[in-house]
Amino acid sequence: MRGKLSKLLEMPMEIFTEVACYMTPEDLMNLARTSAGLRELLMSKSSKRVWEAARTVQATIPPCPSDLSEPQYADLLFGKGCSVSVLVRP
C-alpha cells in the first residue's frame, strides 16, 4: 500500500484496533475499500470486535443477524449495490 494510508498498517495492531472501534460501520467499509491490505485486515475474522464496536457507535443499528458476518451486514446496510435479484417471467 502506498501513500498516507500505508502508515495505518505500520502502527501496532492494538492501536489500530482501538482507533477503528470509534468508527462507524460505514467508515470501516469505506476504509476497507481503500487498499488490499486494509481490506484483508478488516475482513478477517479477527476484526469481529472492531465491527461490533462500530455498530454500537451508531446506536440505531440493530444486532447483526446470525446468518451474516459483521462486514456483510454493514455492506447490506450501507453498501451502494443491490443484493436482491428479480426474476422476470415473459
Protein backbone atom coordinates (compact mmCIF):
# COMPACT_ATOMS: atom_id res chain seq x y z
CA MET A 1 0.00 0.00 0.00
CA ARG A 2 1.35 3.41 -0.93
CA GLY A 3 0.58 6.88 0.30
CA LYS A 4 -0.66 8.20 3.58
CA LEU A 5 -2.83 5.19 4.42
CA SER A 6 0.21 2.88 4.45
CA LYS A 7 1.03 4.22 7.91
CA LEU A 8 -2.16 2.64 9.27
CA LEU A 9 -0.81 -0.86 8.71
CA GLU A 10 2.56 0.08 10.21
CA MET A 11 1.12 1.05 13.59
CA PRO A 12 0.76 -1.58 16.33
CA MET A 13 -2.38 -3.65 15.83
CA GLU A 14 -3.70 -2.76 19.29
CA ILE A 15 -3.64 0.95 18.45
CA PHE A 16 -5.24 0.45 15.02
CA THR A 17 -7.97 -1.65 16.64
CA GLU A 18 -8.59 0.96 19.32
CA VAL A 19 -8.93 3.74 16.73
CA ALA A 20 -11.12 1.62 14.44
CA CYS A 21 -13.53 0.89 17.30
CA TYR A 22 -14.60 4.56 17.20
CA MET A 23 -15.54 4.43 13.52
CA THR A 24 -19.00 3.70 12.17
CA PRO A 25 -19.62 0.56 10.09
CA GLU A 26 -19.87 2.77 7.02
CA ASP A 27 -16.45 4.28 7.82
CA LEU A 28 -14.97 0.79 8.13
CA MET A 29 -16.48 -0.26 4.80
CA ASN A 30 -15.00 2.80 3.11
CA LEU A 31 -11.61 2.22 4.76
CA ALA A 32 -11.60 -1.43 3.67
CA ARG A 33 -12.16 -0.31 0.09
CA THR A 34 -9.05 1.89 0.03
CA SER A 35 -6.40 -0.84 -0.20
CA ALA A 36 -5.88 -4.57 -0.35
CA GLY A 37 -4.03 -4.54 2.97
CA LEU A 38 -6.79 -2.77 4.86
CA ARG A 39 -9.42 -4.91 3.17
CA GLU A 40 -7.61 -8.08 4.23
CA LEU A 41 -7.29 -6.81 7.78
CA LEU A 42 -10.85 -5.53 8.19
CA MET A 43 -12.50 -8.50 6.50
CA SER A 44 -10.66 -11.06 8.64
CA LYS A 45 -12.42 -12.90 11.45
CA SER A 46 -10.00 -11.31 13.91
CA SER A 47 -11.65 -7.92 13.25
CA LYS A 48 -15.06 -9.03 14.50
CA ARG A 49 -14.70 -6.98 17.71
CA VAL A 50 -13.95 -3.85 15.66
CA TRP A 51 -17.13 -4.31 13.60
CA GLU A 52 -19.23 -4.99 16.70
CA ALA A 53 -17.87 -1.84 18.36
CA ALA A 54 -18.52 0.17 15.21
CA ARG A 55 -22.13 -0.96 15.25
CA THR A 56 -22.52 0.36 18.81
CA VAL A 57 -21.08 3.75 17.74
CA GLN A 58 -24.20 4.09 15.61
CA ALA A 59 -26.69 3.07 18.30
CA THR A 60 -29.66 2.83 15.94
CA ILE A 61 -28.32 -0.25 14.13
CA PRO A 62 -29.99 -3.50 15.25
CA PRO A 63 -27.86 -6.55 16.11
CA CYS A 64 -26.22 -8.42 13.27
CA PRO A 65 -28.30 -11.38 12.02
CA SER A 66 -26.69 -14.74 12.79
CA ASP A 67 -26.50 -15.72 9.11
CA LEU A 68 -24.32 -12.71 8.18
CA SER A 69 -20.83 -11.63 9.19
CA GLU A 70 -20.44 -8.11 10.57
CA PRO A 71 -18.87 -6.81 7.31
CA GLN A 72 -21.66 -8.43 5.26
CA TYR A 73 -24.25 -6.78 7.48
CA ALA A 74 -22.54 -3.39 7.15
CA ASP A 75 -22.46 -3.81 3.37
CA LEU A 76 -26.15 -4.70 3.36
CA LEU A 77 -26.97 -1.56 5.35
CA PHE A 78 -24.54 0.91 3.79
CA GLY A 79 -23.36 -0.62 0.52
CA LYS A 80 -24.11 1.02 -2.77
CA GLY A 81 -25.03 -2.18 -4.58
CA CYS A 82 -28.25 -4.11 -4.70
CA SER A 83 -28.21 -7.63 -3.34
CA VAL A 84 -31.71 -8.57 -4.49
CA SER A 85 -32.17 -10.35 -7.77
CA VAL A 86 -35.50 -10.24 -9.53
CA LEU A 87 -36.77 -13.00 -11.76
CA VAL A 88 -38.68 -11.62 -14.71
CA ARG A 89 -41.03 -14.03 -16.43
CA PRO A 90 -42.10 -13.48 -20.05
